[in-house]
C-alpha cells in the first residue's frame, strides 16, 4: 500500500522587470517604481522591508549608472517576490555575474523580508 502523496501549498512567484535610462534620473525612477511595485505586492511603504529594499535598489542603480554606464545602453531592474520564510536582512545574499554575451555584468542582491 502506498502512502498518500503530500501536497505542498501553491506558491505564486511574482516577477517585475523594466528598463531604465542609464542616468541619475533613471536610477531615481527605478527606485521609486521598484518601491511602488513592492507596495502592490503587499510590502508597505516605509516598513522595514521597504526601507531595506529602497537602500539596496538605490545603491545598485546608482552604481549601474555611475560605473557601468555605456552610451546608448539602458539598465534593467528586476524584482522577484517568492513567498516563504522571511527574516529582516539587508542583502542576505548577493552576487556579481558576467553577462552572456559580453560585455556587461549583472549585480543581484537577495533580501529575506519580514513584513
N, C-alpha and C. Protein backbone atom coordinates (compact mmCIF):
# COMPACT_ATOMS: atom_id res chain seq x y z
N UNK A 1 0.85 -1.17 0.00
CA UNK A 1 0.00 0.00 0.00
C UNK A 1 0.89 1.23 0.00
N UNK A 2 0.58 2.18 -0.86
CA UNK A 2 1.38 3.39 -0.97
C UNK A 2 0.86 4.48 -0.03
N UNK A 3 1.80 5.24 0.50
CA UNK A 3 1.42 6.37 1.34
C UNK A 3 0.85 7.47 0.45
N UNK A 4 -0.16 8.17 0.93
CA UNK A 4 -0.71 9.26 0.12
C UNK A 4 0.35 10.34 -0.12
N UNK A 5 0.34 10.87 -1.31
CA UNK A 5 1.30 11.92 -1.66
C UNK A 5 1.02 13.17 -0.85
N UNK A 6 2.10 13.77 -0.35
CA UNK A 6 1.95 15.01 0.40
C UNK A 6 1.83 16.15 -0.59
N UNK A 7 0.88 17.00 -0.37
CA UNK A 7 0.73 18.15 -1.25
C UNK A 7 1.36 19.36 -0.58
N UNK A 8 2.01 20.14 -1.39
CA UNK A 8 2.61 21.36 -0.88
C UNK A 8 1.73 22.53 -1.28
N UNK A 9 1.71 23.56 -0.45
CA UNK A 9 0.87 24.71 -0.79
C UNK A 9 1.38 25.38 -2.07
N UNK A 10 0.44 25.94 -2.81
CA UNK A 10 0.80 26.68 -4.02
C UNK A 10 1.61 27.92 -3.64
N UNK A 11 2.62 28.20 -4.43
CA UNK A 11 3.44 29.39 -4.23
C UNK A 11 3.39 30.21 -5.50
N UNK A 12 3.03 31.47 -5.37
CA UNK A 12 2.99 32.36 -6.51
C UNK A 12 4.26 33.20 -6.51
N UNK A 13 5.06 33.03 -7.54
CA UNK A 13 6.28 33.82 -7.69
C UNK A 13 5.93 34.99 -8.60
N UNK A 14 6.18 36.17 -8.11
CA UNK A 14 5.89 37.38 -8.89
C UNK A 14 7.20 37.95 -9.41
N UNK A 15 7.19 38.39 -10.67
CA UNK A 15 8.38 38.97 -11.27
C UNK A 15 8.00 40.28 -11.94
N UNK A 16 8.82 41.28 -11.71
CA UNK A 16 8.67 42.59 -12.34
C UNK A 16 10.01 42.95 -12.95
N UNK A 17 10.02 43.38 -14.20
CA UNK A 17 11.27 43.88 -14.78
C UNK A 17 10.96 45.02 -15.72
N UNK A 18 11.90 45.97 -15.73
CA UNK A 18 11.71 47.16 -16.56
C UNK A 18 13.07 47.78 -16.85
N UNK A 19 13.22 48.33 -18.04
CA UNK A 19 14.43 49.01 -18.46
C UNK A 19 14.36 50.48 -18.06
N UNK A 20 15.50 51.04 -17.67
CA UNK A 20 15.60 52.45 -17.31
C UNK A 20 16.81 53.06 -18.00
N UNK A 21 16.74 54.36 -18.25
CA UNK A 21 17.86 55.06 -18.86
C UNK A 21 19.05 55.07 -17.91
N UNK A 22 20.23 54.94 -18.47
CA UNK A 22 21.47 54.92 -17.67
C UNK A 22 21.91 56.33 -17.34
N UNK A 23 21.15 56.98 -16.47
CA UNK A 23 21.50 58.31 -15.99
C UNK A 23 20.91 58.45 -14.58
N UNK A 24 21.29 59.51 -13.85
CA UNK A 24 20.79 59.65 -12.48
C UNK A 24 19.27 59.68 -12.39
N UNK A 25 18.62 60.27 -13.38
CA UNK A 25 17.15 60.30 -13.36
C UNK A 25 16.59 58.87 -13.46
N UNK A 26 17.20 58.03 -14.32
CA UNK A 26 16.77 56.64 -14.44
C UNK A 26 16.94 55.88 -13.14
N UNK A 27 18.03 56.14 -12.43
CA UNK A 27 18.27 55.47 -11.14
C UNK A 27 17.21 55.87 -10.11
N UNK A 28 16.90 57.16 -10.05
CA UNK A 28 15.85 57.62 -9.11
C UNK A 28 14.49 57.02 -9.46
N UNK A 29 14.18 57.01 -10.76
CA UNK A 29 12.90 56.46 -11.20
C UNK A 29 12.82 54.96 -10.89
N UNK A 30 13.91 54.24 -11.10
CA UNK A 30 13.92 52.81 -10.81
C UNK A 30 13.63 52.54 -9.34
N UNK A 31 14.21 53.35 -8.47
CA UNK A 31 13.97 53.19 -7.03
C UNK A 31 12.49 53.42 -6.70
N UNK A 32 11.94 54.49 -7.24
CA UNK A 32 10.52 54.81 -6.96
C UNK A 32 9.58 53.75 -7.52
N UNK A 33 9.83 53.34 -8.76
CA UNK A 33 8.98 52.32 -9.39
C UNK A 33 9.12 50.99 -8.66
N UNK A 34 10.35 50.64 -8.26
CA UNK A 34 10.56 49.40 -7.52
C UNK A 34 9.79 49.38 -6.21
N UNK A 35 9.84 50.47 -5.47
CA UNK A 35 9.11 50.53 -4.20
C UNK A 35 7.60 50.48 -4.42
N UNK A 36 7.14 51.12 -5.48
CA UNK A 36 5.71 51.05 -5.80
C UNK A 36 5.31 49.61 -6.10
N UNK A 37 6.14 48.91 -6.87
CA UNK A 37 5.82 47.52 -7.20
C UNK A 37 5.79 46.66 -5.94
N UNK A 38 6.75 46.83 -5.05
CA UNK A 38 6.74 46.08 -3.80
C UNK A 38 5.47 46.37 -3.00
N UNK A 39 5.05 47.63 -3.01
CA UNK A 39 3.81 48.00 -2.29
C UNK A 39 2.60 47.27 -2.88
N UNK A 40 2.55 47.15 -4.22
CA UNK A 40 1.43 46.44 -4.83
C UNK A 40 1.44 44.95 -4.49
N UNK A 41 2.62 44.42 -4.13
CA UNK A 41 2.74 43.03 -3.71
C UNK A 41 2.50 42.87 -2.21
N UNK A 42 2.13 43.94 -1.52
CA UNK A 42 1.80 43.84 -0.10
C UNK A 42 2.94 44.17 0.84
N UNK A 43 4.01 44.76 0.33
CA UNK A 43 5.13 45.19 1.17
C UNK A 43 4.97 46.70 1.34
N UNK A 44 4.44 47.15 2.49
CA UNK A 44 4.03 48.54 2.64
C UNK A 44 5.20 49.53 2.63
N UNK A 45 4.90 50.72 2.08
CA UNK A 45 5.86 51.81 2.10
C UNK A 45 6.30 52.10 3.54
N UNK A 46 7.54 52.49 3.69
CA UNK A 46 8.12 52.93 4.95
C UNK A 46 8.25 51.84 6.01
N UNK A 47 7.94 50.60 5.67
CA UNK A 47 8.18 49.50 6.59
C UNK A 47 9.64 49.09 6.52
N UNK A 48 10.08 48.25 7.46
CA UNK A 48 11.48 47.82 7.46
C UNK A 48 11.87 47.15 6.15
N UNK A 49 10.98 46.29 5.62
CA UNK A 49 11.28 45.59 4.37
C UNK A 49 11.41 46.57 3.22
N UNK A 50 10.50 47.52 3.13
CA UNK A 50 10.54 48.51 2.06
C UNK A 50 11.77 49.40 2.16
N UNK A 51 12.12 49.79 3.37
CA UNK A 51 13.29 50.65 3.56
C UNK A 51 14.59 49.91 3.20
N UNK A 52 14.67 48.63 3.55
CA UNK A 52 15.84 47.84 3.16
C UNK A 52 15.93 47.73 1.64
N UNK A 53 14.81 47.44 1.01
CA UNK A 53 14.79 47.34 -0.45
C UNK A 53 15.15 48.68 -1.09
N UNK A 54 14.67 49.78 -0.52
CA UNK A 54 14.97 51.11 -1.07
C UNK A 54 16.47 51.38 -1.05
N UNK A 55 17.13 51.03 0.04
CA UNK A 55 18.57 51.24 0.13
C UNK A 55 19.33 50.43 -0.92
N UNK A 56 18.95 49.18 -1.06
CA UNK A 56 19.67 48.31 -2.00
C UNK A 56 19.37 48.70 -3.44
N UNK A 57 18.12 48.94 -3.77
CA UNK A 57 17.78 49.36 -5.13
C UNK A 57 18.49 50.66 -5.46
N UNK A 58 18.46 51.61 -4.54
CA UNK A 58 19.12 52.89 -4.76
C UNK A 58 20.62 52.75 -4.99
N UNK A 59 21.28 51.94 -4.17
CA UNK A 59 22.72 51.75 -4.30
C UNK A 59 23.09 51.07 -5.62
N UNK A 60 22.39 49.98 -5.94
CA UNK A 60 22.73 49.24 -7.15
C UNK A 60 22.42 50.03 -8.42
N UNK A 61 21.32 50.75 -8.44
CA UNK A 61 21.00 51.54 -9.64
C UNK A 61 21.95 52.72 -9.79
N UNK A 62 22.32 53.35 -8.67
CA UNK A 62 23.30 54.44 -8.75
C UNK A 62 24.65 53.92 -9.25
N UNK A 63 25.05 52.76 -8.77
CA UNK A 63 26.31 52.16 -9.25
C UNK A 63 26.22 51.81 -10.73
N UNK A 64 25.06 51.33 -11.17
CA UNK A 64 24.90 50.95 -12.58
C UNK A 64 25.08 52.16 -13.49
N UNK A 65 24.52 53.29 -13.11
CA UNK A 65 24.62 54.47 -13.99
C UNK A 65 25.95 55.19 -13.82
N UNK A 66 26.63 55.01 -12.70
CA UNK A 66 27.91 55.67 -12.48
C UNK A 66 29.08 54.87 -13.04
N UNK A 67 29.11 53.58 -12.75
CA UNK A 67 30.27 52.76 -13.09
C UNK A 67 30.05 51.84 -14.29
N UNK A 68 28.81 51.54 -14.59
CA UNK A 68 28.55 50.60 -15.68
C UNK A 68 27.95 51.27 -16.90
N UNK A 69 28.02 52.55 -16.93
CA UNK A 69 27.36 53.31 -17.99
C UNK A 69 28.04 53.09 -19.34
N UNK A 70 27.24 52.66 -20.30
CA UNK A 70 27.68 52.51 -21.68
C UNK A 70 26.72 53.34 -22.52
N UNK A 71 27.24 54.29 -23.31
CA UNK A 71 26.34 55.14 -24.12
C UNK A 71 25.36 54.31 -24.94
N UNK A 72 24.10 54.69 -24.86
CA UNK A 72 23.07 54.00 -25.62
C UNK A 72 22.54 52.73 -25.01
N UNK A 73 23.04 52.36 -23.84
CA UNK A 73 22.58 51.12 -23.21
C UNK A 73 21.87 51.44 -21.91
N UNK A 74 20.69 50.88 -21.73
CA UNK A 74 19.91 51.05 -20.52
C UNK A 74 20.32 50.00 -19.48
N UNK A 75 19.76 50.12 -18.28
CA UNK A 75 19.92 49.07 -17.29
C UNK A 75 18.55 48.53 -16.94
N UNK A 76 18.53 47.32 -16.41
CA UNK A 76 17.27 46.66 -16.08
C UNK A 76 17.15 46.48 -14.58
N UNK A 77 15.98 46.80 -14.06
CA UNK A 77 15.64 46.48 -12.67
C UNK A 77 14.70 45.28 -12.73
N UNK A 78 15.07 44.23 -12.02
CA UNK A 78 14.22 43.05 -11.95
C UNK A 78 13.97 42.72 -10.49
N UNK A 79 12.70 42.62 -10.14
CA UNK A 79 12.30 42.26 -8.78
C UNK A 79 11.56 40.93 -8.85
N UNK A 80 11.89 40.05 -7.93
CA UNK A 80 11.20 38.76 -7.83
C UNK A 80 10.73 38.60 -6.40
N UNK A 81 9.47 38.25 -6.24
CA UNK A 81 8.89 38.05 -4.91
C UNK A 81 8.44 36.60 -4.80
N UNK A 82 9.11 35.86 -3.92
CA UNK A 82 8.77 34.47 -3.67
C UNK A 82 8.38 34.34 -2.21
N UNK A 83 7.11 34.10 -1.92
CA UNK A 83 6.70 33.96 -0.52
C UNK A 83 7.40 32.78 0.15
N UNK A 84 7.67 32.93 1.42
CA UNK A 84 8.33 31.86 2.17
C UNK A 84 8.81 32.39 3.50
N UNK A 85 9.74 31.69 4.12
CA UNK A 85 10.28 32.14 5.40
C UNK A 85 10.99 33.47 5.19
N UNK A 86 10.79 34.37 6.13
CA UNK A 86 11.37 35.69 5.98
C UNK A 86 12.03 36.14 7.28
N UNK A 87 13.11 36.84 7.16
CA UNK A 87 13.77 37.50 8.28
C UNK A 87 14.35 38.80 7.75
N UNK A 88 14.26 39.85 8.51
CA UNK A 88 14.77 41.14 8.04
C UNK A 88 16.27 41.04 7.84
N UNK A 89 16.73 41.42 6.68
CA UNK A 89 18.17 41.42 6.40
C UNK A 89 18.44 42.43 5.30
N UNK A 90 19.57 43.07 5.37
CA UNK A 90 19.98 43.98 4.31
C UNK A 90 20.93 43.19 3.43
N UNK A 91 20.43 42.72 2.30
CA UNK A 91 21.16 41.87 1.36
C UNK A 91 21.67 40.60 2.03
N UNK A 92 20.78 39.65 2.20
CA UNK A 92 21.14 38.36 2.78
C UNK A 92 22.11 37.60 1.89
N UNK A 93 21.96 37.77 0.58
CA UNK A 93 22.85 37.14 -0.40
C UNK A 93 23.04 38.11 -1.55
N UNK A 94 24.22 38.06 -2.17
CA UNK A 94 24.47 38.90 -3.34
C UNK A 94 25.50 38.22 -4.22
N UNK A 95 25.53 38.64 -5.49
CA UNK A 95 26.47 38.05 -6.44
C UNK A 95 26.68 39.00 -7.61
N UNK A 96 27.83 38.86 -8.24
CA UNK A 96 28.14 39.56 -9.48
C UNK A 96 28.33 38.48 -10.54
N UNK A 97 27.57 38.58 -11.62
CA UNK A 97 27.57 37.56 -12.65
C UNK A 97 27.92 38.20 -13.99
N UNK A 98 28.89 37.63 -14.70
CA UNK A 98 29.20 38.13 -16.04
C UNK A 98 28.03 37.86 -16.96
N UNK A 99 27.72 38.86 -17.78
CA UNK A 99 26.60 38.74 -18.70
C UNK A 99 27.03 37.97 -19.94
N UNK A 100 26.14 37.15 -20.45
CA UNK A 100 26.38 36.42 -21.70
C UNK A 100 25.39 36.92 -22.73
N UNK A 101 25.77 37.35 -23.87
CA UNK A 101 27.16 37.54 -24.32
C UNK A 101 27.73 38.81 -23.71
N UNK A 102 29.06 38.88 -23.57
CA UNK A 102 29.72 40.07 -23.04
C UNK A 102 29.51 41.26 -23.97
N UNK A 103 29.73 42.45 -23.62
CA UNK A 103 30.20 42.88 -22.30
C UNK A 103 29.03 43.08 -21.35
N UNK A 104 29.34 43.23 -20.11
CA UNK A 104 28.34 43.55 -19.10
C UNK A 104 28.37 42.58 -17.95
N UNK A 105 27.63 42.96 -16.92
CA UNK A 105 27.50 42.09 -15.76
C UNK A 105 26.17 42.35 -15.09
N UNK A 106 25.76 41.41 -14.31
CA UNK A 106 24.55 41.52 -13.52
C UNK A 106 24.96 41.52 -12.06
N UNK A 107 24.45 42.48 -11.31
CA UNK A 107 24.65 42.50 -9.87
C UNK A 107 23.30 42.21 -9.26
N UNK A 108 23.26 41.17 -8.43
CA UNK A 108 21.99 40.81 -7.81
C UNK A 108 22.13 40.78 -6.31
N UNK A 109 21.07 41.17 -5.66
CA UNK A 109 21.01 41.13 -4.20
C UNK A 109 19.69 40.48 -3.82
N UNK A 110 19.72 39.64 -2.81
CA UNK A 110 18.52 38.98 -2.32
C UNK A 110 18.26 39.43 -0.89
N UNK A 111 17.01 39.76 -0.62
CA UNK A 111 16.59 40.16 0.71
C UNK A 111 15.60 39.15 1.23
N UNK A 112 15.75 38.75 2.47
CA UNK A 112 14.74 37.97 3.16
C UNK A 112 13.92 38.98 3.94
N UNK A 113 12.66 39.16 3.53
CA UNK A 113 11.88 40.27 4.07
C UNK A 113 10.84 39.81 5.08
N UNK A 114 10.70 40.57 6.13
CA UNK A 114 9.65 40.38 7.12
C UNK A 114 8.75 41.59 7.01
N UNK A 115 7.49 41.37 6.75
CA UNK A 115 6.55 42.49 6.64
C UNK A 115 5.20 42.12 7.16
